[in-house]
């Protein structure tokens, strides 16, 4: 199991009406933070995780924030985190061997994202 926290703020992308450049910078920043962290934490294990085509992974993305989103909002907010997690692990986020789970927790202040990657028997 690999589990780590990122100091990353996410917003419900489906409700935003930002300029395309603002959105693009936010998405690129999210992906870059995830990429740097995953490469540092998972690189030694990456080949072992995905080399065996029989292995199944469960990836849980948890959003920590002062406010909660509805279920489709949390999926929208974590879209770029999911995309970059999959890319860093060397597969497409539609990979059938991977099950994605989403959670959210309310915290009094601040924000974070937790990524938990587990092998499923």
PDB file of N, CA and C in Angstrom:
ATOM      1  N   UNK A   1       0.843  -1.186   0.000  1.00  0.00           N
ATOM      2  CA  UNK A   1       0.000   0.000   0.000  1.00  0.00           C
ATOM      3  C   UNK A   1       0.884   1.244   0.000  1.00  0.00           C
ATOM      4  N   UNK A   2       0.482   2.194  -0.787  1.00  0.00           N
ATOM      5  CA  UNK A   2       1.150   3.496  -0.835  1.00  0.00           C
ATOM      6  C   UNK A   2       0.094   4.541  -0.500  1.00  0.00           C
ATOM      7  N   UNK A   3       0.416   5.413   0.449  1.00  0.00           N
ATOM      8  CA  UNK A   3      -0.535   6.448   0.852  1.00  0.00           C
ATOM      9  C   UNK A   3       0.237   7.727   1.154  1.00  0.00           C
ATOM     10  N   UNK A   4      -0.235   8.827   0.613  1.00  0.00           N
ATOM     11  CA  UNK A   4       0.414  10.107   0.900  1.00  0.00           C
ATOM     12  C   UNK A   4      -0.569  11.247   0.738  1.00  0.00           C
ATOM     13  N   UNK A   5      -0.216  12.375   1.338  1.00  0.00           N
ATOM     14  CA  UNK A   5      -1.042  13.578   1.319  1.00  0.00           C
ATOM     15  C   UNK A   5      -0.362  14.642   0.457  1.00  0.00           C
ATOM     16  N   UNK A   6      -1.203  15.425  -0.217  1.00  0.00           N
ATOM     17  CA  UNK A   6      -0.732  16.552  -1.013  1.00  0.00           C
ATOM     18  C   UNK A   6      -1.439  17.815  -0.541  1.00  0.00           C
ATOM     19  N   UNK A   7      -0.699  18.884  -0.372  1.00  0.00           N
ATOM     20  CA  UNK A   7      -1.312  20.173  -0.059  1.00  0.00           C
ATOM     21  C   UNK A   7      -1.795  20.767  -1.378  1.00  0.00           C
ATOM     22  N   UNK A   8      -2.990  20.367  -1.767  1.00  0.00           N
ATOM     23  CA  UNK A   8      -3.518  20.725  -3.071  1.00  0.00           C
ATOM     24  C   UNK A   8      -4.987  21.110  -2.930  1.00  0.00           C
ATOM     25  N   UNK A   9      -5.321  22.275  -3.452  1.00  0.00           N
ATOM     26  CA  UNK A   9      -6.709  22.735  -3.392  1.00  0.00           C
ATOM     27  C   UNK A   9      -7.411  22.393  -4.701  1.00  0.00           C
ATOM     28  N   UNK A  10      -8.581  21.806  -4.589  1.00  0.00           N
ATOM     29  CA  UNK A  10      -9.361  21.473  -5.778  1.00  0.00           C
ATOM     30  C   UNK A  10     -10.728  22.132  -5.680  1.00  0.00           C
ATOM     31  N   UNK A  11     -11.318  22.390  -6.827  1.00  0.00           N
ATOM     32  CA  UNK A  11     -12.643  23.007  -6.895  1.00  0.00           C
ATOM     33  C   UNK A  11     -13.513  22.208  -7.849  1.00  0.00           C
ATOM     34  N   UNK A  12     -14.803  22.343  -7.702  1.00  0.00           N
ATOM     35  CA  UNK A  12     -15.748  21.673  -8.588  1.00  0.00           C
ATOM     36  C   UNK A  12     -15.636  22.310  -9.975  1.00  0.00           C
ATOM     37  N   UNK A  13     -14.997  21.611 -10.885  1.00  0.00           N
ATOM     38  CA  UNK A  13     -14.740  22.161 -12.215  1.00  0.00           C
ATOM     39  C   UNK A  13     -16.013  22.347 -13.033  1.00  0.00           C
ATOM     40  N   UNK A  14     -17.042  21.576 -12.752  1.00  0.00           N
ATOM     41  CA  UNK A  14     -18.265  21.681 -13.554  1.00  0.00           C
ATOM     42  C   UNK A  14     -19.047  22.960 -13.250  1.00  0.00           C
ATOM     43  N   UNK A  15     -18.783  23.600 -12.119  1.00  0.00           N
ATOM     44  CA  UNK A  15     -19.488  24.829 -11.766  1.00  0.00           C
ATOM     45  C   UNK A  15     -18.664  26.090 -12.019  1.00  0.00           C
ATOM     46  N   UNK A  16     -17.449  25.946 -12.525  1.00  0.00           N
ATOM     47  CA  UNK A  16     -16.574  27.099 -12.742  1.00  0.00           C
ATOM     48  C   UNK A  16     -16.835  27.737 -14.098  1.00  0.00           C
ATOM     49  N   UNK A  17     -16.708  29.029 -14.146  1.00  0.00           N
ATOM     50  CA  UNK A  17     -16.839  29.766 -15.404  1.00  0.00           C
ATOM     51  C   UNK A  17     -15.617  30.655 -15.590  1.00  0.00           C
ATOM     52  N   UNK A  18     -14.452  30.081 -15.331  1.00  0.00           N
ATOM     53  CA  UNK A  18     -13.196  30.817 -15.447  1.00  0.00           C
ATOM     54  C   UNK A  18     -12.795  30.975 -16.914  1.00  0.00           C
ATOM     55  N   UNK A  19     -11.912  31.922 -17.134  1.00  0.00           N
ATOM     56  CA  UNK A  19     -11.271  32.056 -18.436  1.00  0.00           C
ATOM     57  C   UNK A  19     -10.498  30.763 -18.703  1.00  0.00           C
ATOM     58  N   UNK A  20     -10.424  30.339 -19.959  1.00  0.00           N
ATOM     59  CA  UNK A  20      -9.780  29.066 -20.275  1.00  0.00           C
ATOM     60  C   UNK A  20      -8.322  29.041 -19.821  1.00  0.00           C
ATOM     61  N   UNK A  21      -7.650  30.166 -19.851  1.00  0.00           N
ATOM     62  CA  UNK A  21      -6.252  30.224 -19.419  1.00  0.00           C
ATOM     63  C   UNK A  21      -6.102  30.003 -17.924  1.00  0.00           C
ATOM     64  N   UNK A  22      -7.036  30.554 -17.155  1.00  0.00           N
ATOM     65  CA  UNK A  22      -7.024  30.365 -15.707  1.00  0.00           C
ATOM     66  C   UNK A  22      -7.237  28.892 -15.367  1.00  0.00           C
ATOM     67  N   UNK A  23      -8.209  28.282 -16.036  1.00  0.00           N
ATOM     68  CA  UNK A  23      -8.477  26.852 -15.812  1.00  0.00           C
ATOM     69  C   UNK A  23      -7.278  26.003 -16.219  1.00  0.00           C
ATOM     70  N   UNK A  24      -6.687  26.314 -17.351  1.00  0.00           N
ATOM     71  CA  UNK A  24      -5.544  25.535 -17.839  1.00  0.00           C
ATOM     72  C   UNK A  24      -4.368  25.604 -16.871  1.00  0.00           C
ATOM     73  N   UNK A  25      -4.099  26.787 -16.308  1.00  0.00           N
ATOM     74  CA  UNK A  25      -3.008  26.922 -15.336  1.00  0.00           C
ATOM     75  C   UNK A  25      -3.307  26.131 -14.068  1.00  0.00           C
ATOM     76  N   UNK A  26      -4.562  26.174 -13.595  1.00  0.00           N
ATOM     77  CA  UNK A  26      -4.947  25.428 -12.397  1.00  0.00           C
ATOM     78  C   UNK A  26      -4.781  23.922 -12.637  1.00  0.00           C
ATOM     79  N   UNK A  27      -5.221  23.441 -13.788  1.00  0.00           N
ATOM     80  CA  UNK A  27      -5.123  22.017 -14.104  1.00  0.00           C
ATOM     81  C   UNK A  27      -3.663  21.586 -14.220  1.00  0.00           C
ATOM     82  N   UNK A  28      -2.844  22.405 -14.874  1.00  0.00           N
ATOM     83  CA  UNK A  28      -1.423  22.086 -15.034  1.00  0.00           C
ATOM     84  C   UNK A  28      -0.714  22.059 -13.679  1.00  0.00           C
ATOM     85  N   UNK A  29      -1.063  22.992 -12.805  1.00  0.00           N
ATOM     86  CA  UNK A  29      -0.460  23.038 -11.472  1.00  0.00           C
ATOM     87  C   UNK A  29      -0.833  21.794 -10.673  1.00  0.00           C
ATOM     88  N   UNK A  30      -2.114  21.396 -10.722  1.00  0.00           N
ATOM     89  CA  UNK A  30      -2.549  20.187 -10.017  1.00  0.00           C
ATOM     90  C   UNK A  30      -1.792  18.967 -10.534  1.00  0.00           C
ATOM     91  N   UNK A  31      -1.722  18.843 -11.848  1.00  0.00           N
ATOM     92  CA  UNK A  31      -1.043  17.684 -12.436  1.00  0.00           C
ATOM     93  C   UNK A  31       0.442  17.673 -12.090  1.00  0.00           C
ATOM     94  N   UNK A  32       1.078  18.830 -12.080  1.00  0.00           N
ATOM     95  CA  UNK A  32       2.510  18.896 -11.770  1.00  0.00           C
ATOM     96  C   UNK A  32       2.785  18.480 -10.327  1.00  0.00           C
ATOM     97  N   UNK A  33       1.962  18.920  -9.391  1.00  0.00           N
ATOM     98  CA  UNK A  33       2.140  18.538  -7.984  1.00  0.00           C
ATOM     99  C   UNK A  33       1.967  17.037  -7.814  1.00  0.00           C
ATOM    100  N   UNK A  34       0.939  16.474  -8.437  1.00  0.00           N
ATOM    101  CA  UNK A  34       0.713  15.030  -8.346  1.00  0.00           C
ATOM    102  C   UNK A  34       1.883  14.278  -8.977  1.00  0.00           C
ATOM    103  N   UNK A  35       2.326  14.740 -10.131  1.00  0.00           N
ATOM    104  CA  UNK A  35       3.421  14.071 -10.841  1.00  0.00           C
ATOM    105  C   UNK A  35       4.703  14.063 -10.022  1.00  0.00           C
ATOM    106  N   UNK A  36       5.075  15.215  -9.467  1.00  0.00           N
ATOM    107  CA  UNK A  36       6.309  15.281  -8.677  1.00  0.00           C
ATOM    108  C   UNK A  36       6.241  14.346  -7.473  1.00  0.00           C
ATOM    109  N   UNK A  37       5.106  14.334  -6.812  1.00  0.00           N
ATOM    110  CA  UNK A  37       4.957  13.499  -5.625  1.00  0.00           C
ATOM    111  C   UNK A  37       4.942  12.017  -5.989  1.00  0.00           C
ATOM    112  N   UNK A  38       4.174  11.645  -6.996  1.00  0.00           N
ATOM    113  CA  UNK A  38       4.100  10.233  -7.378  1.00  0.00           C
ATOM    114  C   UNK A  38       5.435   9.703  -7.878  1.00  0.00           C
ATOM    115  N   UNK A  39       6.148  10.486  -8.674  1.00  0.00           N
ATOM    116  CA  UNK A  39       7.436  10.005  -9.161  1.00  0.00           C
ATOM    117  C   UNK A  39       8.406   9.821  -8.005  1.00  0.00           C
ATOM    118  N   UNK A  40       8.356  10.701  -7.018  1.00  0.00           N
ATOM    119  CA  UNK A  40       9.252  10.568  -5.878  1.00  0.00           C
ATOM    120  C   UNK A  40       8.882   9.361  -5.009  1.00  0.00           C
ATOM    121  N   UNK A  41       7.584   9.117  -4.830  1.00  0.00           N
ATOM    122  CA  UNK A  41       7.131   8.052  -3.929  1.00  0.00           C
ATOM    123  C   UNK A  41       6.967   6.690  -4.601  1.00  0.00           C
ATOM    124  N   UNK A  42       6.584   6.660  -5.869  1.00  0.00           N
ATOM    125  CA  UNK A  42       6.190   5.401  -6.507  1.00  0.00           C
ATOM    126  C   UNK A  42       7.175   4.872  -7.535  1.00  0.00           C
ATOM    127  N   UNK A  43       8.147   5.636  -7.923  1.00  0.00           N
ATOM    128  CA  UNK A  43       9.015   5.194  -9.022  1.00  0.00           C
ATOM    129  C   UNK A  43       9.625   3.818  -8.782  1.00  0.00           C
ATOM    130  N   UNK A  44      10.166   3.514  -7.602  1.00  0.00           N
ATOM    131  CA  UNK A  44      10.723   2.176  -7.408  1.00  0.00           C
ATOM    132  C   UNK A  44       9.670   1.069  -7.512  1.00  0.00           C
ATOM    133  N   UNK A  45       8.424   1.380  -7.154  1.00  0.00           N
ATOM    134  CA  UNK A  45       7.371   0.367  -7.134  1.00  0.00           C
ATOM    135  C   UNK A  45       6.539   0.344  -8.406  1.00  0.00           C
ATOM    136  N   UNK A  46       6.724   1.310  -9.280  1.00  0.00           N
ATOM    137  CA  UNK A  46       5.852   1.457 -10.439  1.00  0.00           C
ATOM    138  C   UNK A  46       5.851   0.214 -11.330  1.00  0.00           C
ATOM    139  N   UNK A  47       7.037  -0.275 -11.687  1.00  0.00           N
ATOM    140  CA  UNK A  47       7.117  -1.441 -12.554  1.00  0.00           C
ATOM    141  C   UNK A  47       6.515  -2.665 -11.874  1.00  0.00           C
ATOM    142  N   UNK A  48       6.765  -2.809 -10.589  1.00  0.00           N
ATOM    143  CA  UNK A  48       6.225  -3.957  -9.858  1.00  0.00           C
ATOM    144  C   UNK A  48       4.704  -3.894  -9.780  1.00  0.00           C
ATOM    145  N   UNK A  49       4.152  -2.679  -9.652  1.00  0.00           N
ATOM    146  CA  UNK A  49       2.699  -2.548  -9.531  1.00  0.00           C
ATOM    147  C   UNK A  49       1.987  -2.921 -10.817  1.00  0.00           C
ATOM    148  N   UNK A  50       2.494  -2.483 -11.961  1.00  0.00           N
ATOM    149  CA  UNK A  50       1.748  -2.646 -13.195  1.00  0.00           C
ATOM    150  C   UNK A  50       2.335  -3.676 -14.168  1.00  0.00           C
ATOM    151  N   UNK A  51       3.460  -4.326 -13.812  1.00  0.00           N
ATOM    152  CA  UNK A  51       4.055  -5.277 -14.740  1.00  0.00           C
ATOM    153  C   UNK A  51       3.240  -6.557 -14.848  1.00  0.00           C
ATOM    154  N   UNK A  52       2.693  -7.007 -13.750  1.00  0.00           N
ATOM    155  CA  UNK A  52       1.882  -8.212 -13.750  1.00  0.00           C
ATOM    156  C   UNK A  52       0.473  -7.854 -14.209  1.00  0.00           C
ATOM    157  N   UNK A  53       0.055  -8.384 -15.343  1.00  0.00           N
ATOM    158  CA  UNK A  53      -1.240  -8.027 -15.907  1.00  0.00           C
ATOM    159  C   UNK A  53      -2.418  -8.628 -15.149  1.00  0.00           C
ATOM    160  N   UNK A  54      -2.141  -9.451 -14.161  1.00  0.00           N
ATOM    161  CA  UNK A  54      -3.213 -10.022 -13.352  1.00  0.00           C
ATOM    162  C   UNK A  54      -3.504  -9.169 -12.109  1.00  0.00           C
ATOM    163  N   UNK A  55      -2.575  -8.294 -11.768  1.00  0.00           N
ATOM    164  CA  UNK A  55      -2.757  -7.469 -10.572  1.00  0.00           C
ATOM    165  C   UNK A  55      -3.883  -6.465 -10.770  1.00  0.00           C
ATOM    166  N   UNK A  56      -4.611  -6.252  -9.694  1.00  0.00           N
ATOM    167  CA  UNK A  56      -5.676  -5.253  -9.696  1.00  0.00           C
ATOM    168  C   UNK A  56      -5.323  -4.218  -8.631  1.00  0.00           C
ATOM    169  N   UNK A  57      -5.627  -2.959  -8.930  1.00  0.00           N
ATOM    170  CA  UNK A  57      -5.354  -1.884  -7.984  1.00  0.00           C
ATOM    171  C   UNK A  57      -6.653  -1.213  -7.567  1.00  0.00           C
ATOM    172  N   UNK A  58      -6.671  -0.756  -6.336  1.00  0.00           N
ATOM    173  CA  UNK A  58      -7.748   0.081  -5.827  1.00  0.00           C
ATOM    174  C   UNK A  58      -7.112   1.414  -5.462  1.00  0.00           C
ATOM    175  N   UNK A  59      -7.595   2.486  -6.069  1.00  0.00           N
ATOM    176  CA  UNK A  59      -7.042   3.814  -5.796  1.00  0.00           C
ATOM    177  C   UNK A  59      -8.144   4.672  -5.214  1.00  0.00           C
ATOM    178  N   UNK A  60      -7.897   5.180  -4.019  1.00  0.00           N
ATOM    179  CA  UNK A  60      -8.873   6.027  -3.328  1.00  0.00           C
ATOM    180  C   UNK A  60      -8.332   7.453  -3.271  1.00  0.00           C
ATOM    181  N   UNK A  61      -9.105   8.385  -3.781  1.00  0.00           N
ATOM    182  CA  UNK A  61      -8.766   9.803  -3.736  1.00  0.00           C
ATOM    183  C   UNK A  61      -9.675  10.464  -2.714  1.00  0.00           C
ATOM    184  N   UNK A  62      -9.081  11.071  -1.698  1.00  0.00           N
ATOM    185  CA  UNK A  62      -9.850  11.726  -0.647  1.00  0.00           C
ATOM    186  C   UNK A  62      -9.560  13.216  -0.676  1.00  0.00           C
ATOM    187  N   UNK A  63     -10.610  14.004  -0.697  1.00  0.00           N
ATOM    188  CA  UNK A  63     -10.502  15.470  -0.722  1.00  0.00           C
ATOM    189  C   UNK A  63     -10.811  15.991   0.672  1.00  0.00           C
ATOM    190  N   UNK A  64      -9.877  16.747   1.263  1.00  0.00           N
ATOM    191  CA  UNK A  64     -10.065  17.380   2.566  1.00  0.00           C
ATOM    192  C   UNK A  64     -10.281  18.869   2.339  1.00  0.00           C
ATOM    193  N   UNK A  65     -11.388  19.401   2.870  1.00  0.00           N
ATOM    194  CA  UNK A  65     -11.704  20.806   2.664  1.00  0.00           C
ATOM    195  C   UNK A  65     -12.704  21.259   3.724  1.00  0.00           C
ATOM    196  N   UNK A  66     -12.897  22.580   3.822  1.00  0.00           N
ATOM    197  CA  UNK A  66     -13.889  23.107   4.766  1.00  0.00           C
ATOM    198  C   UNK A  66     -15.304  22.802   4.317  1.00  0.00           C
ATOM    199  N   UNK A  67     -15.528  22.728   3.021  1.00  0.00           N
ATOM    200  CA  UNK A  67     -16.863  22.451   2.503  1.00  0.00           C
ATOM    201  C   UNK A  67     -16.904  21.120   1.781  1.00  0.00           C
ATOM    202  N   UNK A  68     -18.081  20.545   1.711  1.00  0.00           N
ATOM    203  CA  UNK A  68     -18.251  19.286   0.990  1.00  0.00           C
ATOM    204  C   UNK A  68     -18.941  19.551  -0.346  1.00  0.00           C
ATOM    205  N   UNK A  69     -18.632  18.717  -1.311  1.00  0.00           N
ATOM    206  CA  UNK A  69     -19.246  18.785  -2.628  1.00  0.00           C
ATOM    207  C   UNK A  69     -20.219  17.617  -2.779  1.00  0.00           C
ATOM    208  N   UNK A  70     -21.129  17.725  -3.738  1.00  0.00           N
ATOM    209  CA  UNK A  70     -21.978  16.575  -4.019  1.00  0.00           C
ATOM    210  C   UNK A  70     -21.135  15.525  -4.755  1.00  0.00           C
ATOM    211  N   UNK A  71     -21.705  14.350  -4.981  1.00  0.00           N
ATOM    212  CA  UNK A  71     -20.906  13.237  -5.496  1.00  0.00           C
ATOM    213  C   UNK A  71     -20.307  13.504  -6.873  1.00  0.00           C
ATOM    214  N   UNK A  72     -21.058  14.111  -7.782  1.00  0.00           N
ATOM    215  CA  UNK A  72     -20.469  14.395  -9.086  1.00  0.00           C
ATOM    216  C   UNK A  72     -19.490  15.565  -9.011  1.00  0.00           C
ATOM    217  N   UNK A  73     -19.654  16.441  -8.035  1.00  0.00           N
ATOM    218  CA  UNK A  73     -18.729  17.560  -7.849  1.00  0.00           C
ATOM    219  C   UNK A  73     -17.360  17.107  -7.385  1.00  0.00           C
ATOM    220  N   UNK A  74     -17.323  16.118  -6.486  1.00  0.00           N
ATOM    221  CA  UNK A  74     -16.025  15.638  -6.001  1.00  0.00           C
ATOM    222  C   UNK A  74     -15.288  14.890  -7.110  1.00  0.00           C
ATOM    223  N   UNK A  75     -16.000  14.172  -7.962  1.00  0.00           N
ATOM    224  CA  UNK A  75     -15.366  13.502  -9.100  1.00  0.00           C
ATOM    225  C   UNK A  75     -14.799  14.549 -10.063  1.00  0.00           C
ATOM    226  N   UNK A  76     -15.554  15.605 -10.324  1.00  0.00           N
ATOM    227  CA  UNK A  76     -15.101  16.681 -11.191  1.00  0.00           C
ATOM    228  C   UNK A  76     -13.876  17.392 -10.602  1.00  0.00           C
ATOM    229  N   UNK A  77     -13.896  17.626  -9.295  1.00  0.00           N
ATOM    230  CA  UNK A  77     -12.790  18.325  -8.639  1.00  0.00           C
ATOM    231  C   UNK A  77     -11.493  17.513  -8.675  1.00  0.00           C
ATOM    232  N   UNK A  78     -11.615  16.186  -8.682  1.00  0.00           N
ATOM    233  CA  UNK A  78     -10.437  15.326  -8.634  1.00  0.00           C
ATOM    234  C   UNK A  78     -10.049  14.748  -9.999  1.00  0.00           C
ATOM    235  N   UNK A  79     -10.652  15.247 -11.059  1.00  0.00           N
ATOM    236  CA  UNK A  79     -10.405  14.712 -12.397  1.00  0.00           C
ATOM    237  C   UNK A  79      -8.933  14.760 -12.796  1.00  0.00           C
ATOM    238  N   UNK A  80      -8.275  15.880 -12.602  1.00  0.00           N
ATOM    239  CA  UNK A  80      -6.885  16.015 -13.030  1.00  0.00           C
ATOM    240  C   UNK A  80      -5.939  15.259 -12.111  1.00  0.00           C
ATOM    241  N   UNK A  81      -6.322  15.107 -10.851  1.00  0.00           N
ATOM    242  CA  UNK A  81      -5.542  14.273  -9.928  1.00  0.00           C
ATOM    243  C   UNK A  81      -5.605  12.823 -10.409  1.00  0.00           C
ATOM    244  N   UNK A  82      -6.798  12.366 -10.776  1.00  0.00           N
ATOM    245  CA  UNK A  82      -6.973  10.990 -11.285  1.00  0.00           C
ATOM    246  C   UNK A  82      -6.184  10.779 -12.574  1.00  0.00           C
ATOM    247  N   UNK A  83      -6.313  11.711 -13.514  1.00  0.00           N
ATOM    248  CA  UNK A  83      -5.627  11.577 -14.792  1.00  0.00           C
ATOM    249  C   UNK A  83      -4.116  11.476 -14.615  1.00  0.00           C
ATOM    250  N   UNK A  84      -3.559  12.325 -13.778  1.00  0.00           N
ATOM    251  CA  UNK A  84      -2.107  12.321 -13.590  1.00  0.00           C
ATOM    252  C   UNK A  84      -1.645  11.116 -12.783  1.00  0.00           C
ATOM    253  N   UNK A  85      -2.443  10.669 -11.829  1.00  0.00           N
ATOM    254  CA  UNK A  85      -2.105   9.457 -11.075  1.00  0.00           C
ATOM    255  C   UNK A  85      -1.994   8.279 -12.031  1.00  0.00           C
ATOM    256  N   UNK A  86      -2.978   8.129 -12.900  1.00  0.00           N
ATOM    257  CA  UNK A  86      -2.961   7.040 -13.877  1.00  0.00           C
ATOM    258  C   UNK A  86      -1.758   7.165 -14.810  1.00  0.00           C
ATOM    259  N   UNK A  87      -1.498   8.362 -15.306  1.00  0.00           N
ATOM    260  CA  UNK A  87      -0.377   8.565 -16.230  1.00  0.00           C
ATOM    261  C   UNK A  87       0.958   8.222 -15.574  1.00  0.00           C
ATOM    262  N   UNK A  88       1.142   8.620 -14.334  1.00  0.00           N
ATOM    263  CA  UNK A  88       2.400   8.338 -13.634  1.00  0.00           C
ATOM    264  C   UNK A  88       2.584   6.852 -13.359  1.00  0.00           C
ATOM    265  N   UNK A  89       1.488   6.147 -13.171  1.00  0.00           N
ATOM    266  CA  UNK A  89       1.573   4.704 -12.933  1.00  0.00           C
ATOM    267  C   UNK A  89       1.661   3.917 -14.238  1.00  0.00           C
ATOM    268  N   UNK A  90       1.512   4.606 -15.361  1.00  0.00           N
ATOM    269  CA  UNK A  90       1.731   3.972 -16.644  1.00  0.00           C
ATOM    270  C   UNK A  90       0.512   3.324 -17.274  1.00  0.00           C
ATOM    271  N   UNK A  91      -0.664   3.825 -16.991  1.00  0.00           N
ATOM    272  CA  UNK A  91      -1.870   3.297 -17.626  1.00  0.00           C
ATOM    273  C   UNK A  91      -2.862   4.416 -17.839  1.00  0.00           C
ATOM    274  N   UNK A  92      -3.908   4.131 -18.587  1.00  0.00           N
ATOM    275  CA  UNK A  92      -4.985   5.080 -18.826  1.00  0.00           C
ATOM    276  C   UNK A  92      -5.969   4.977 -17.657  1.00  0.00           C
ATOM    277  N   UNK A  93      -6.639   6.064 -17.327  1.00  0.00           N
ATOM    278  CA  UNK A  93      -7.546   6.017 -16.171  1.00  0.00           C
ATOM    279  C   UNK A  93      -8.791   5.169 -16.433  1.00  0.00           C
ATOM    280  N   UNK A  94      -8.961   4.670 -17.657  1.00  0.00           N
ATOM    281  CA  UNK A  94     -10.066   3.752 -17.973  1.00  0.00           C
ATOM    282  C   UNK A  94      -9.662   2.296 -17.816  1.00  0.00           C
ATOM    283  N   UNK A  95      -8.440   2.051 -17.384  1.00  0.00           N
ATOM    284  CA  UNK A  95      -7.927   0.692 -17.219  1.00  0.00           C
ATOM    285  C   UNK A  95      -8.878  -0.141 -16.355  1.00  0.00           C
ATOM    286  N   UNK A  96      -9.238  -1.315 -16.849  1.00  0.00           N
ATOM    287  CA  UNK A  96     -10.212  -2.157 -16.150  1.00  0.00           C
ATOM    288  C   UNK A  96      -9.654  -2.812 -14.893  1.00  0.00           C
ATOM    289  N   UNK A  97      -8.334  -2.904 -14.781  1.00  0.00           N
ATOM    290  CA  UNK A  97      -7.736  -3.511 -13.592  1.00  0.00           C
ATOM    291  C   UNK A  97      -7.707  -2.564 -12.402  1.00  0.00           C
ATOM    292  N   UNK A  98      -8.106  -1.329 -12.613  1.00  0.00           N
ATOM    293  CA  UNK A  98      -8.049  -0.316 -11.557  1.00  0.00           C
ATOM    294  C   UNK A  98      -9.465   0.113 -11.179  1.00  0.00           C
ATOM    295  N   UNK A  99      -9.729   0.126  -9.881  1.00  0.00           N
ATOM    296  CA  UNK A  99     -10.997   0.616  -9.361  1.00  0.00           C
ATOM    297  C   UNK A  99     -10.728   1.936  -8.646  1.00  0.00           C
ATOM    298  N   UNK A 100     -11.495   2.955  -9.008  1.00  0.00           N
ATOM    299  CA  UNK A 100     -11.331   4.289  -8.424  1.00  0.00           C
ATOM    300  C   UNK A 100     -12.418   4.520  -7.377  1.00  0.00           C
ATOM    301  N   UNK A 101     -12.011   5.069  -6.235  1.00  0.00           N
ATOM    302  CA  UNK A 101     -12.949   5.414  -5.164  1.00  0.00           C
ATOM    303  C   UNK A 101     -12.720   6.882  -4.796  1.00  0.00           C
ATOM    304  N   UNK A 102     -13.794   7.545  -4.432  1.00  0.00           N
ATOM    305  CA  UNK A 102     -13.712   8.961  -4.057  1.00  0.00           C
ATOM    306  C   UNK A 102     -14.315   9.139  -2.675  1.00  0.00           C
ATOM    307  N   UNK A 103     -13.637   9.939  -1.857  1.00  0.00           N
ATOM    308  CA  UNK A 103     -14.141  10.282  -0.533  1.00  0.00           C
ATOM    309  C   UNK A 103     -13.879  11.767  -0.306  1.00  0.00           C
ATOM    310  N   UNK A 104     -14.553  12.308   0.686  1.00  0.00           N
ATOM    311  CA  UNK A 104     -14.240  13.663   1.103  1.00  0.00           C
ATOM    312  C   UNK A 104     -14.471  13.788   2.598  1.00  0.00           C
ATOM    313  N   UNK A 105     -13.638  14.583   3.223  1.00  0.00           N
ATOM    314  CA  UNK A 105     -13.695  14.811   4.664  1.00  0.00           C
ATOM    315  C   UNK A 105     -13.708  16.312   4.908  1.00  0.00           C
ATOM    316  N   UNK A 106     -14.516  16.709   5.865  1.00  0.00           N
ATOM    317  CA  UNK A 106     -14.563  18.113   6.242  1.00  0.00           C
ATOM    318  C   UNK A 106     -13.491  18.376   7.306  1.00  0.00           C
ATOM    319  N   UNK A 107     -12.725  19.446   7.122  1.00  0.00           N
ATOM    320  CA  UNK A 107     -11.708  19.853   8.089  1.00  0.00           C
ATOM    321  C   UNK A 107     -11.980  21.305   8.475  1.00  0.00           C
ATOM    322  N   UNK A 108     -11.590  21.723   9.690  1.00  0.00           N
ATOM    323  CA  UNK A 108     -11.898  23.086  10.127  1.00  0.00           C
ATOM    324  C   UNK A 108     -11.225  24.170   9.297  1.00  0.00           C
ATOM    325  N   UNK A 109     -10.006  23.906   8.816  1.00  0.00           N
ATOM    326  CA  UNK A 109      -9.340  24.874   7.952  1.00  0.00           C
ATOM    327  C   UNK A 109      -8.316  24.154   7.089  1.00  0.00           C
ATOM    328  N   UNK A 110      -7.988  24.772   5.982  1.00  0.00           N
ATOM    329  CA  UNK A 110      -7.009  24.198   5.079  1.00  0.00           C
ATOM    330  C   UNK A 110      -7.640  23.276   4.047  1.00  0.00           C
ATOM    331  N   UNK A 111      -6.773  22.600   3.306  1.00  0.00           N
ATOM    332  CA  UNK A 111      -7.213  21.705   2.250  1.00  0.00           C
ATOM    333  C   UNK A 111      -6.081  20.730   1.950  1.00  0.00           C
ATOM    334  N   UNK A 112      -6.421  19.579   1.414  1.00  0.00           N
ATOM    335  CA  UNK A 112      -5.435  18.560   1.050  1.00  0.00           C
ATOM    336  C   UNK A 112      -6.112  17.493   0.212  1.00  0.00           C
ATOM    337  N   UNK A 113      -5.281  16.677  -0.404  1.00  0.00           N
ATOM    338  CA  UNK A 113      -5.731  15.512  -1.150  1.00  0.00           C
ATOM    339  C   UNK A 113      -4.918  14.328  -0.645  1.00  0.00           C
ATOM    340  N   UNK A 114      -5.586  13.220  -0.406  1.00  0.00           N
ATOM    341  CA  UNK A 114      -4.896  11.982  -0.050  1.00  0.00           C
ATOM    342  C   UNK A 114      -5.049  10.997  -1.216  1.00  0.00           C
ATOM    343  N   UNK A 115      -3.955  10.374  -1.585  1.00  0.00           N
ATOM    344  CA  UNK A 115      -3.980   9.336  -2.612  1.00  0.00           C
ATOM    345  C   UNK A 115      -3.541   8.038  -1.942  1.00  0.00           C
ATOM    346  N   UNK A 116      -4.398   7.018  -2.016  1.00  0.00           N
ATOM    347  CA  UNK A 116      -4.101   5.712  -1.428  1.00  0.00           C
ATOM    348  C   UNK A 116      -4.180   4.666  -2.540  1.00  0.00           C
ATOM    349  N   UNK A 117      -3.070   3.959  -2.751  1.00  0.00           N
ATOM    350  CA  UNK A 117      -2.980   2.957  -3.796  1.00  0.00           C
ATOM    351  C   UNK A 117      -2.760   1.599  -3.126  1.00  0.00           C
ATOM    352  N   UNK A 118      -3.659   0.658  -3.391  1.00  0.00           N
ATOM    353  CA  UNK A 118      -3.567  -0.666  -2.780  1.00  0.00           C
ATOM    354  C   UNK A 118      -3.713  -1.744  -3.842  1.00  0.00           C
ATOM    355  N   UNK A 119      -2.989  -2.827  -3.663  1.00  0.00           N
ATOM    356  CA  UNK A 119      -3.186  -3.990  -4.520  1.00  0.00           C
ATOM    357  C   UNK A 119      -4.362  -4.782  -3.980  1.00  0.00           C
ATOM    358  N   UNK A 120      -5.213  -5.242  -4.896  1.00  0.00           N
ATOM    359  CA  UNK A 120      -6.380  -6.030  -4.514  1.00  0.00           C
ATOM    360  C   UNK A 120      -6.096  -7.474  -4.862  1.00  0.00           C
ATOM    361  N   UNK A 121      -6.389  -8.352  -3.930  1.00  0.00           N
ATOM    362  CA  UNK A 121      -6.125  -9.785  -4.150  1.00  0.00           C
ATOM    363  C   UNK A 121      -7.066 -10.393  -5.163  1.00  0.00           C
TER     364      UNK A 121
END
